[in-house]
PDB file of N, CA and C in Angstrom:
ATOM      1  N   UNK A   1     -16.563 -17.062 -31.774  1.00  0.00           N
ATOM      2  CA  UNK A   1     -15.655 -16.363 -32.649  1.00  0.00           C
ATOM      3  C   UNK A   1     -14.223 -16.663 -32.210  1.00  0.00           C
ATOM      4  N   UNK A   2     -13.353 -17.101 -33.122  1.00  0.00           N
ATOM      5  CA  UNK A   2     -11.988 -17.428 -32.737  1.00  0.00           C
ATOM      6  C   UNK A   2     -11.208 -16.181 -32.309  1.00  0.00           C
ATOM      7  N   UNK A   3     -10.344 -16.383 -31.334  1.00  0.00           N
ATOM      8  CA  UNK A   3      -9.504 -15.299 -30.839  1.00  0.00           C
ATOM      9  C   UNK A   3      -8.235 -15.233 -31.678  1.00  0.00           C
ATOM     10  N   UNK A   4      -7.882 -14.035 -32.116  1.00  0.00           N
ATOM     11  CA  UNK A   4      -6.655 -13.897 -32.898  1.00  0.00           C
ATOM     12  C   UNK A   4      -5.459 -13.828 -31.969  1.00  0.00           C
ATOM     13  N   UNK A   5      -4.371 -14.408 -32.411  1.00  0.00           N
ATOM     14  CA  UNK A   5      -3.144 -14.406 -31.630  1.00  0.00           C
ATOM     15  C   UNK A   5      -2.182 -13.407 -32.256  1.00  0.00           C
ATOM     16  N   UNK A   6      -1.651 -12.554 -31.403  1.00  0.00           N
ATOM     17  CA  UNK A   6      -0.683 -11.577 -31.860  1.00  0.00           C
ATOM     18  C   UNK A   6       0.561 -11.653 -31.008  1.00  0.00           C
ATOM     19  N   UNK A   7       1.446 -10.706 -31.199  1.00  0.00           N
ATOM     20  CA  UNK A   7       2.669 -10.650 -30.415  1.00  0.00           C
ATOM     21  C   UNK A   7       2.631  -9.430 -29.512  1.00  0.00           C
ATOM     22  N   UNK A   8       3.089  -9.620 -28.301  1.00  0.00           N
ATOM     23  CA  UNK A   8       3.120  -8.561 -27.310  1.00  0.00           C
ATOM     24  C   UNK A   8       4.548  -8.437 -26.806  1.00  0.00           C
ATOM     25  N   UNK A   9       5.050  -7.219 -26.717  1.00  0.00           N
ATOM     26  CA  UNK A   9       6.373  -6.992 -26.156  1.00  0.00           C
ATOM     27  C   UNK A   9       6.224  -6.619 -24.698  1.00  0.00           C
ATOM     28  N   UNK A  10       6.882  -7.387 -23.845  1.00  0.00           N
ATOM     29  CA  UNK A  10       6.880  -7.078 -22.423  1.00  0.00           C
ATOM     30  C   UNK A  10       8.316  -6.790 -21.990  1.00  0.00           C
ATOM     31  N   UNK A  11       8.459  -6.034 -20.919  1.00  0.00           N
ATOM     32  CA  UNK A  11       9.781  -5.669 -20.430  1.00  0.00           C
ATOM     33  C   UNK A  11       9.918  -6.157 -18.991  1.00  0.00           C
ATOM     34  N   UNK A  12      10.958  -6.942 -18.764  1.00  0.00           N
ATOM     35  CA  UNK A  12      11.246  -7.452 -17.420  1.00  0.00           C
ATOM     36  C   UNK A  12      12.699  -7.143 -17.121  1.00  0.00           C
ATOM     37  N   UNK A  13      12.910  -6.373 -16.076  1.00  0.00           N
ATOM     38  CA  UNK A  13      14.244  -5.945 -15.648  1.00  0.00           C
ATOM     39  C   UNK A  13      15.062  -5.370 -16.795  1.00  0.00           C
ATOM     40  N   UNK A  14      14.422  -4.522 -17.586  1.00  0.00           N
ATOM     41  CA  UNK A  14      15.132  -3.842 -18.652  1.00  0.00           C
ATOM     42  C   UNK A  14      15.342  -4.652 -19.921  1.00  0.00           C
ATOM     43  N   UNK A  15      14.829  -5.861 -19.961  1.00  0.00           N
ATOM     44  CA  UNK A  15      14.958  -6.705 -21.149  1.00  0.00           C
ATOM     45  C   UNK A  15      13.593  -6.862 -21.801  1.00  0.00           C
ATOM     46  N   UNK A  16      13.553  -6.728 -23.109  1.00  0.00           N
ATOM     47  CA  UNK A  16      12.307  -6.892 -23.854  1.00  0.00           C
ATOM     48  C   UNK A  16      12.145  -8.329 -24.313  1.00  0.00           C
ATOM     49  N   UNK A  17      10.914  -8.807 -24.234  1.00  0.00           N
ATOM     50  CA  UNK A  17      10.568 -10.151 -24.689  1.00  0.00           C
ATOM     51  C   UNK A  17       9.342 -10.046 -25.576  1.00  0.00           C
ATOM     52  N   UNK A  18       9.387 -10.683 -26.728  1.00  0.00           N
ATOM     53  CA  UNK A  18       8.256 -10.730 -27.644  1.00  0.00           C
ATOM     54  C   UNK A  18       7.517 -12.039 -27.378  1.00  0.00           C
ATOM     55  N   UNK A  19       6.272 -11.914 -26.925  1.00  0.00           N
ATOM     56  CA  UNK A  19       5.488 -13.072 -26.507  1.00  0.00           C
ATOM     57  C   UNK A  19       4.259 -13.207 -27.406  1.00  0.00           C
ATOM     58  N   UNK A  20       3.988 -14.414 -27.857  1.00  0.00           N
ATOM     59  CA  UNK A  20       2.778 -14.693 -28.609  1.00  0.00           C
ATOM     60  C   UNK A  20       1.626 -14.797 -27.614  1.00  0.00           C
ATOM     61  N   UNK A  21       0.522 -14.103 -27.929  1.00  0.00           N
ATOM     62  CA  UNK A  21      -0.561 -14.033 -26.956  1.00  0.00           C
ATOM     63  C   UNK A  21      -1.888 -13.762 -27.666  1.00  0.00           C
ATOM     64  N   UNK A  22      -2.968 -14.474 -27.275  1.00  0.00           N
ATOM     65  CA  UNK A  22      -4.284 -14.147 -27.823  1.00  0.00           C
ATOM     66  C   UNK A  22      -4.660 -12.710 -27.448  1.00  0.00           C
ATOM     67  N   UNK A  23      -5.352 -12.033 -28.333  1.00  0.00           N
ATOM     68  CA  UNK A  23      -5.699 -10.624 -28.122  1.00  0.00           C
ATOM     69  C   UNK A  23      -6.469 -10.406 -26.825  1.00  0.00           C
ATOM     70  N   UNK A  24      -7.373 -11.326 -26.483  1.00  0.00           N
ATOM     71  CA  UNK A  24      -8.175 -11.134 -25.283  1.00  0.00           C
ATOM     72  C   UNK A  24      -7.414 -11.445 -23.983  1.00  0.00           C
ATOM     73  N   UNK A  25      -6.172 -11.891 -24.084  1.00  0.00           N
ATOM     74  CA  UNK A  25      -5.354 -12.191 -22.912  1.00  0.00           C
ATOM     75  C   UNK A  25      -4.219 -11.182 -22.733  1.00  0.00           C
ATOM     76  N   UNK A  26      -4.131 -10.207 -23.617  1.00  0.00           N
ATOM     77  CA  UNK A  26      -3.000  -9.283 -23.605  1.00  0.00           C
ATOM     78  C   UNK A  26      -2.886  -8.520 -22.283  1.00  0.00           C
ATOM     79  N   UNK A  27      -3.982  -7.986 -21.785  1.00  0.00           N
ATOM     80  CA  UNK A  27      -3.920  -7.207 -20.542  1.00  0.00           C
ATOM     81  C   UNK A  27      -3.485  -8.077 -19.371  1.00  0.00           C
ATOM     82  N   UNK A  28      -3.972  -9.312 -19.340  1.00  0.00           N
ATOM     83  CA  UNK A  28      -3.579 -10.245 -18.284  1.00  0.00           C
ATOM     84  C   UNK A  28      -2.082 -10.567 -18.367  1.00  0.00           C
ATOM     85  N   UNK A  29      -1.576 -10.748 -19.586  1.00  0.00           N
ATOM     86  CA  UNK A  29      -0.148 -11.000 -19.785  1.00  0.00           C
ATOM     87  C   UNK A  29       0.681  -9.811 -19.304  1.00  0.00           C
ATOM     88  N   UNK A  30       0.250  -8.613 -19.668  1.00  0.00           N
ATOM     89  CA  UNK A  30       0.985  -7.409 -19.255  1.00  0.00           C
ATOM     90  C   UNK A  30       0.983  -7.262 -17.726  1.00  0.00           C
ATOM     91  N   UNK A  31      -0.136  -7.557 -17.115  1.00  0.00           N
ATOM     92  CA  UNK A  31      -0.235  -7.484 -15.650  1.00  0.00           C
ATOM     93  C   UNK A  31       0.693  -8.516 -15.009  1.00  0.00           C
ATOM     94  N   UNK A  32       0.709  -9.722 -15.559  1.00  0.00           N
ATOM     95  CA  UNK A  32       1.594 -10.777 -15.048  1.00  0.00           C
ATOM     96  C   UNK A  32       3.059 -10.373 -15.195  1.00  0.00           C
ATOM     97  N   UNK A  33       3.387  -9.784 -16.331  1.00  0.00           N
ATOM     98  CA  UNK A  33       4.773  -9.350 -16.576  1.00  0.00           C
ATOM     99  C   UNK A  33       5.178  -8.248 -15.591  1.00  0.00           C
ATOM    100  N   UNK A  34       4.273  -7.310 -15.326  1.00  0.00           N
ATOM    101  CA  UNK A  34       4.578  -6.249 -14.349  1.00  0.00           C
ATOM    102  C   UNK A  34       4.801  -6.843 -12.959  1.00  0.00           C
ATOM    103  N   UNK A  35       3.987  -7.827 -12.607  1.00  0.00           N
ATOM    104  CA  UNK A  35       4.133  -8.479 -11.306  1.00  0.00           C
ATOM    105  C   UNK A  35       5.470  -9.212 -11.217  1.00  0.00           C
ATOM    106  N   UNK A  36       5.809  -9.961 -12.258  1.00  0.00           N
ATOM    107  CA  UNK A  36       7.090 -10.671 -12.283  1.00  0.00           C
ATOM    108  C   UNK A  36       8.252  -9.696 -12.232  1.00  0.00           C
ATOM    109  N   UNK A  37       8.166  -8.608 -12.986  1.00  0.00           N
ATOM    110  CA  UNK A  37       9.217  -7.597 -12.988  1.00  0.00           C
ATOM    111  C   UNK A  37       9.422  -7.046 -11.574  1.00  0.00           C
ATOM    112  N   UNK A  38       8.324  -6.755 -10.887  1.00  0.00           N
ATOM    113  CA  UNK A  38       8.424  -6.221  -9.516  1.00  0.00           C
ATOM    114  C   UNK A  38       9.041  -7.246  -8.569  1.00  0.00           C
ATOM    115  N   UNK A  39       8.633  -8.496  -8.695  1.00  0.00           N
ATOM    116  CA  UNK A  39       9.193  -9.545  -7.841  1.00  0.00           C
ATOM    117  C   UNK A  39      10.688  -9.722  -8.096  1.00  0.00           C
ATOM    118  N   UNK A  40      11.090  -9.681  -9.351  1.00  0.00           N
ATOM    119  CA  UNK A  40      12.508  -9.826  -9.679  1.00  0.00           C
ATOM    120  C   UNK A  40      13.304  -8.625  -9.188  1.00  0.00           C
ATOM    121  N   UNK A  41      12.743  -7.430  -9.305  1.00  0.00           N
ATOM    122  CA  UNK A  41      13.421  -6.232  -8.790  1.00  0.00           C
ATOM    123  C   UNK A  41      13.581  -6.329  -7.272  1.00  0.00           C
ATOM    124  N   UNK A  42      12.571  -6.844  -6.585  1.00  0.00           N
ATOM    125  CA  UNK A  42      12.668  -7.015  -5.127  1.00  0.00           C
ATOM    126  C   UNK A  42      13.796  -7.979  -4.761  1.00  0.00           C
ATOM    127  N   UNK A  43      13.914  -9.080  -5.503  1.00  0.00           N
ATOM    128  CA  UNK A  43      14.990 -10.044  -5.255  1.00  0.00           C
ATOM    129  C   UNK A  43      16.341  -9.394  -5.543  1.00  0.00           C
ATOM    130  N   UNK A  44      16.431  -8.658  -6.640  1.00  0.00           N
ATOM    131  CA  UNK A  44      17.693  -8.002  -7.015  1.00  0.00           C
ATOM    132  C   UNK A  44      18.135  -7.013  -5.942  1.00  0.00           C
ATOM    133  N   UNK A  45      17.198  -6.274  -5.373  1.00  0.00           N
ATOM    134  CA  UNK A  45      17.526  -5.290  -4.334  1.00  0.00           C
ATOM    135  C   UNK A  45      18.074  -5.960  -3.079  1.00  0.00           C
ATOM    136  N   UNK A  46      17.606  -7.168  -2.798  1.00  0.00           N
ATOM    137  CA  UNK A  46      18.082  -7.889  -1.608  1.00  0.00           C
ATOM    138  C   UNK A  46      19.452  -8.511  -1.819  1.00  0.00           C
ATOM    139  N   UNK A  47      19.813  -8.788  -3.047  1.00  0.00           N
ATOM    140  CA  UNK A  47      21.111  -9.404  -3.332  1.00  0.00           C
ATOM    141  C   UNK A  47      21.644  -8.892  -4.650  1.00  0.00           C
ATOM    142  N   UNK A  48      22.200  -7.710  -4.647  1.00  0.00           N
ATOM    143  CA  UNK A  48      22.562  -7.014  -5.880  1.00  0.00           C
ATOM    144  C   UNK A  48      23.617  -7.737  -6.728  1.00  0.00           C
ATOM    145  N   UNK A  49      24.358  -8.666  -6.147  1.00  0.00           N
ATOM    146  CA  UNK A  49      25.390  -9.347  -6.931  1.00  0.00           C
ATOM    147  C   UNK A  49      24.866 -10.614  -7.605  1.00  0.00           C
ATOM    148  N   UNK A  50      23.572 -10.862  -7.514  1.00  0.00           N
ATOM    149  CA  UNK A  50      22.997 -12.055  -8.126  1.00  0.00           C
ATOM    150  C   UNK A  50      22.881 -11.889  -9.629  1.00  0.00           C
ATOM    151  N   UNK A  51      23.064 -12.968 -10.349  1.00  0.00           N
ATOM    152  CA  UNK A  51      22.899 -12.948 -11.793  1.00  0.00           C
ATOM    153  C   UNK A  51      21.431 -12.988 -12.177  1.00  0.00           C
ATOM    154  N   UNK A  52      21.145 -12.634 -13.416  1.00  0.00           N
ATOM    155  CA  UNK A  52      19.777 -12.552 -13.916  1.00  0.00           C
ATOM    156  C   UNK A  52      19.035 -13.885 -13.747  1.00  0.00           C
ATOM    157  N   UNK A  53      19.685 -14.976 -14.090  1.00  0.00           N
ATOM    158  CA  UNK A  53      19.044 -16.292 -13.991  1.00  0.00           C
ATOM    159  C   UNK A  53      18.689 -16.635 -12.551  1.00  0.00           C
ATOM    160  N   UNK A  54      19.596 -16.364 -11.618  1.00  0.00           N
ATOM    161  CA  UNK A  54      19.328 -16.668 -10.214  1.00  0.00           C
ATOM    162  C   UNK A  54      18.196 -15.785  -9.687  1.00  0.00           C
ATOM    163  N   UNK A  55      18.164 -14.529 -10.098  1.00  0.00           N
ATOM    164  CA  UNK A  55      17.078 -13.627  -9.703  1.00  0.00           C
ATOM    165  C   UNK A  55      15.744 -14.187 -10.193  1.00  0.00           C
ATOM    166  N   UNK A  56      15.713 -14.660 -11.449  1.00  0.00           N
ATOM    167  CA  UNK A  56      14.485 -15.215 -12.025  1.00  0.00           C
ATOM    168  C   UNK A  56      14.029 -16.451 -11.256  1.00  0.00           C
ATOM    169  N   UNK A  57      14.973 -17.327 -10.918  1.00  0.00           N
ATOM    170  CA  UNK A  57      14.627 -18.552 -10.187  1.00  0.00           C
ATOM    171  C   UNK A  57      14.119 -18.211  -8.792  1.00  0.00           C
ATOM    172  N   UNK A  58      14.788 -17.307  -8.088  1.00  0.00           N
ATOM    173  CA  UNK A  58      14.349 -16.935  -6.742  1.00  0.00           C
ATOM    174  C   UNK A  58      12.983 -16.261  -6.770  1.00  0.00           C
ATOM    175  N   UNK A  59      12.741 -15.410  -7.760  1.00  0.00           N
ATOM    176  CA  UNK A  59      11.430 -14.778  -7.885  1.00  0.00           C
ATOM    177  C   UNK A  59      10.360 -15.834  -8.167  1.00  0.00           C
ATOM    178  N   UNK A  60      10.673 -16.799  -9.023  1.00  0.00           N
ATOM    179  CA  UNK A  60       9.721 -17.876  -9.329  1.00  0.00           C
ATOM    180  C   UNK A  60       9.408 -18.697  -8.085  1.00  0.00           C
ATOM    181  N   UNK A  61      10.422 -18.981  -7.287  1.00  0.00           N
ATOM    182  CA  UNK A  61      10.201 -19.736  -6.045  1.00  0.00           C
ATOM    183  C   UNK A  61       9.311 -18.932  -5.097  1.00  0.00           C
ATOM    184  N   UNK A  62       9.582 -17.638  -4.952  1.00  0.00           N
ATOM    185  CA  UNK A  62       8.758 -16.798  -4.071  1.00  0.00           C
ATOM    186  C   UNK A  62       7.307 -16.752  -4.537  1.00  0.00           C
ATOM    187  N   UNK A  63       7.105 -16.582  -5.839  1.00  0.00           N
ATOM    188  CA  UNK A  63       5.744 -16.519  -6.388  1.00  0.00           C
ATOM    189  C   UNK A  63       5.034 -17.858  -6.181  1.00  0.00           C
ATOM    190  N   UNK A  64       5.730 -18.951  -6.449  1.00  0.00           N
ATOM    191  CA  UNK A  64       5.149 -20.275  -6.272  1.00  0.00           C
ATOM    192  C   UNK A  64       4.801 -20.533  -4.818  1.00  0.00           C
ATOM    193  N   UNK A  65       5.680 -20.134  -3.913  1.00  0.00           N
ATOM    194  CA  UNK A  65       5.429 -20.301  -2.485  1.00  0.00           C
ATOM    195  C   UNK A  65       4.154 -19.546  -2.072  1.00  0.00           C
ATOM    196  N   UNK A  66       4.033 -18.307  -2.519  1.00  0.00           N
ATOM    197  CA  UNK A  66       2.842 -17.518  -2.206  1.00  0.00           C
ATOM    198  C   UNK A  66       1.581 -18.161  -2.775  1.00  0.00           C
ATOM    199  N   UNK A  67       1.679 -18.661  -4.004  1.00  0.00           N
ATOM    200  CA  UNK A  67       0.535 -19.298  -4.644  1.00  0.00           C
ATOM    201  C   UNK A  67       0.109 -20.553  -3.887  1.00  0.00           C
ATOM    202  N   UNK A  68       1.071 -21.365  -3.482  1.00  0.00           N
ATOM    203  CA  UNK A  68       0.749 -22.582  -2.736  1.00  0.00           C
ATOM    204  C   UNK A  68       0.162 -22.262  -1.367  1.00  0.00           C
ATOM    205  N   UNK A  69       0.670 -21.214  -0.718  1.00  0.00           N
ATOM    206  CA  UNK A  69       0.101 -20.793   0.566  1.00  0.00           C
ATOM    207  C   UNK A  69      -1.352 -20.379   0.386  1.00  0.00           C
ATOM    208  N   UNK A  70      -1.618 -19.633  -0.670  1.00  0.00           N
ATOM    209  CA  UNK A  70      -2.988 -19.197  -0.944  1.00  0.00           C
ATOM    210  C   UNK A  70      -3.881 -20.402  -1.218  1.00  0.00           C
ATOM    211  N   UNK A  71      -3.345 -21.388  -1.917  1.00  0.00           N
ATOM    212  CA  UNK A  71      -4.101 -22.604  -2.213  1.00  0.00           C
ATOM    213  C   UNK A  71      -4.448 -23.366  -0.956  1.00  0.00           C
ATOM    214  N   UNK A  72      -3.494 -23.466  -0.028  1.00  0.00           N
ATOM    215  CA  UNK A  72      -3.760 -24.152   1.241  1.00  0.00           C
ATOM    216  C   UNK A  72      -4.837 -23.423   2.019  1.00  0.00           C
ATOM    217  N   UNK A  73      -4.763 -22.111   2.055  1.00  0.00           N
ATOM    218  CA  UNK A  73      -5.761 -21.315   2.761  1.00  0.00           C
ATOM    219  C   UNK A  73      -7.129 -21.525   2.124  1.00  0.00           C
ATOM    220  N   UNK A  74      -7.154 -21.545   0.806  1.00  0.00           N
ATOM    221  CA  UNK A  74      -8.402 -21.746   0.077  1.00  0.00           C
ATOM    222  C   UNK A  74      -8.967 -23.136   0.358  1.00  0.00           C
ATOM    223  N   UNK A  75      -8.106 -24.165   0.323  1.00  0.00           N
ATOM    224  CA  UNK A  75      -8.553 -25.526   0.598  1.00  0.00           C
ATOM    225  C   UNK A  75      -9.067 -25.651   2.022  1.00  0.00           C
ATOM    226  N   UNK A  76      -8.389 -25.004   2.957  1.00  0.00           N
ATOM    227  CA  UNK A  76      -8.816 -25.041   4.348  1.00  0.00           C
ATOM    228  C   UNK A  76     -10.193 -24.392   4.491  1.00  0.00           C
ATOM    229  N   UNK A  77     -10.399 -23.272   3.833  1.00  0.00           N
ATOM    230  CA  UNK A  77     -11.694 -22.590   3.875  1.00  0.00           C
ATOM    231  C   UNK A  77     -12.778 -23.454   3.259  1.00  0.00           C
ATOM    232  N   UNK A  78     -12.454 -24.104   2.128  1.00  0.00           N
ATOM    233  CA  UNK A  78     -13.420 -24.992   1.484  1.00  0.00           C
ATOM    234  C   UNK A  78     -13.772 -26.157   2.395  1.00  0.00           C
ATOM    235  N   UNK A  79     -12.763 -26.707   3.056  1.00  0.00           N
ATOM    236  CA  UNK A  79     -12.987 -27.825   3.952  1.00  0.00           C
ATOM    237  C   UNK A  79     -13.876 -27.406   5.117  1.00  0.00           C
ATOM    238  N   UNK A  80     -13.602 -26.242   5.698  1.00  0.00           N
ATOM    239  CA  UNK A  80     -14.429 -25.739   6.796  1.00  0.00           C
ATOM    240  C   UNK A  80     -15.851 -25.490   6.325  1.00  0.00           C
ATOM    241  N   UNK A  81     -16.001 -24.924   5.149  1.00  0.00           N
ATOM    242  CA  UNK A  81     -17.336 -24.654   4.606  1.00  0.00           C
ATOM    243  C   UNK A  81     -18.096 -25.954   4.375  1.00  0.00           C
ATOM    244  N   UNK A  82     -17.425 -26.947   3.836  1.00  0.00           N
ATOM    245  CA  UNK A  82     -18.064 -28.239   3.591  1.00  0.00           C
ATOM    246  C   UNK A  82     -18.524 -28.870   4.902  1.00  0.00           C
ATOM    247  N   UNK A  83     -17.713 -28.766   5.928  1.00  0.00           N
ATOM    248  CA  UNK A  83     -18.068 -29.303   7.245  1.00  0.00           C
ATOM    249  C   UNK A  83     -19.299 -28.580   7.797  1.00  0.00           C
ATOM    250  N   UNK A  84     -19.312 -27.262   7.698  1.00  0.00           N
ATOM    251  CA  UNK A  84     -20.444 -26.481   8.195  1.00  0.00           C
ATOM    252  C   UNK A  84     -21.716 -26.795   7.410  1.00  0.00           C
ATOM    253  N   UNK A  85     -21.586 -27.020   6.108  1.00  0.00           N
ATOM    254  CA  UNK A  85     -22.745 -27.380   5.293  1.00  0.00           C
ATOM    255  C   UNK A  85     -23.308 -28.721   5.733  1.00  0.00           C
ATOM    256  N   UNK A  86     -22.430 -29.675   6.015  1.00  0.00           N
ATOM    257  CA  UNK A  86     -22.887 -30.992   6.483  1.00  0.00           C
ATOM    258  C   UNK A  86     -23.643 -30.875   7.808  1.00  0.00           C
ATOM    259  N   UNK A  87     -23.150 -30.039   8.718  1.00  0.00           N
ATOM    260  CA  UNK A  87     -23.840 -29.829   9.992  1.00  0.00           C
ATOM    261  C   UNK A  87     -25.226 -29.240   9.747  1.00  0.00           C
ATOM    262  N   UNK A  88     -25.317 -28.242   8.858  1.00  0.00           N
ATOM    263  CA  UNK A  88     -26.613 -27.638   8.541  1.00  0.00           C
ATOM    264  C   UNK A  88     -27.554 -28.652   7.894  1.00  0.00           C
ATOM    265  N   UNK A  89     -27.022 -29.496   7.011  1.00  0.00           N
ATOM    266  CA  UNK A  89     -27.851 -30.522   6.375  1.00  0.00           C
ATOM    267  C   UNK A  89     -28.431 -31.469   7.415  1.00  0.00           C
ATOM    268  N   UNK A  90     -27.616 -31.860   8.390  1.00  0.00           N
ATOM    269  CA  UNK A  90     -28.099 -32.758   9.453  1.00  0.00           C
ATOM    270  C   UNK A  90     -29.190 -32.079  10.278  1.00  0.00           C
ATOM    271  N   UNK A  91     -29.012 -30.805  10.582  1.00  0.00           N
ATOM    272  CA  UNK A  91     -30.022 -30.070  11.341  1.00  0.00           C
ATOM    273  C   UNK A  91     -31.331 -29.964  10.552  1.00  0.00           C
ATOM    274  N   UNK A  92     -31.238 -29.707   9.259  1.00  0.00           N
ATOM    275  CA  UNK A  92     -32.426 -29.617   8.407  1.00  0.00           C
ATOM    276  C   UNK A  92     -33.121 -30.974   8.342  1.00  0.00           C
ATOM    277  N   UNK A  93     -32.333 -32.038   8.136  1.00  0.00           N
ATOM    278  CA  UNK A  93     -32.913 -33.380   8.094  1.00  0.00           C
ATOM    279  C   UNK A  93     -33.625 -33.707   9.401  1.00  0.00           C
ATOM    280  N   UNK A  94     -33.006 -33.372  10.528  1.00  0.00           N
ATOM    281  CA  UNK A  94     -33.614 -33.642  11.835  1.00  0.00           C
ATOM    282  C   UNK A  94     -34.912 -32.851  11.994  1.00  0.00           C
ATOM    283  N   UNK A  95     -34.913 -31.602  11.566  1.00  0.00           N
ATOM    284  CA  UNK A  95     -36.113 -30.778  11.676  1.00  0.00           C
ATOM    285  C   UNK A  95     -37.224 -31.325  10.784  1.00  0.00           C
ATOM    286  N   UNK A  96     -36.869 -31.764   9.568  1.00  0.00           N
ATOM    287  CA  UNK A  96     -37.873 -32.332   8.670  1.00  0.00           C
ATOM    288  C   UNK A  96     -38.445 -33.635   9.228  1.00  0.00           C
ATOM    289  N   UNK A  97     -37.590 -34.460   9.787  1.00  0.00           N
ATOM    290  CA  UNK A  97     -38.050 -35.726  10.374  1.00  0.00           C
ATOM    291  C   UNK A  97     -38.961 -35.446  11.557  1.00  0.00           C
ATOM    292  N   UNK A  98     -38.628 -34.479  12.368  1.00  0.00           N
ATOM    293  CA  UNK A  98     -39.457 -34.154  13.533  1.00  0.00           C
ATOM    294  C   UNK A  98     -40.818 -33.629  13.085  1.00  0.00           C
ATOM    295  N   UNK A  99     -40.860 -32.877  12.007  1.00  0.00           N
ATOM    296  CA  UNK A  99     -42.132 -32.323  11.547  1.00  0.00           C
ATOM    297  C   UNK A  99     -42.988 -33.379  10.848  1.00  0.00           C
ATOM    298  N   UNK A 100     -42.414 -34.459  10.383  1.00  0.00           N
ATOM    299  CA  UNK A 100     -43.162 -35.532   9.699  1.00  0.00           C
ATOM    300  C   UNK A 100     -43.760 -36.521  10.674  1.00  0.00           C
ATOM    301  N   UNK A 101     -43.233 -36.593  11.868  1.00  0.00           N
ATOM    302  CA  UNK A 101     -43.724 -37.566  12.840  1.00  0.00           C
ATOM    303  C   UNK A 101     -45.119 -37.152  13.317  1.00  0.00           C
ATOM    304  N   UNK A 102     -46.000 -38.111  13.287  1.00  0.00           N
ATOM    305  CA  UNK A 102     -47.378 -37.865  13.709  1.00  0.00           C
ATOM    306  C   UNK A 102     -47.555 -38.465  15.090  1.00  0.00           C
ATOM    307  N   UNK A 103     -48.125 -37.668  15.970  1.00  0.00           N
ATOM    308  CA  UNK A 103     -48.389 -38.163  17.329  1.00  0.00           C
ATOM    309  C   UNK A 103     -49.742 -38.866  17.329  1.00  0.00           C
ATOM    310  N   UNK A 104     -49.777 -40.066  17.910  1.00  0.00           N
ATOM    311  CA  UNK A 104     -51.020 -40.838  17.982  1.00  0.00           C
ATOM    312  C   UNK A 104     -51.523 -40.850  19.404  1.00  0.00           C
TER     313      UNK A 104
END
């Protein structure tokens, strides 16, 4: 069934934005907007004389930095898991080979 696209109004730092969004993504969009609003407010509190555009860019950099850090952690975990799986596969192969050998 096709998803209908509607418009959603979100508020970031006191400014309203009308965003086109599929109905089934509306809650996710609102959650993202709340997160961005909080990040921008945090940047504004640290440097109150910053302009709106600079606040947006700094918040975007902070969010991107956090996302990339999470990605590295995830990749590292995947790499460790893959290594451990290979070790287990070798142990299983060795056990299977030992059980197949017939003593004469």
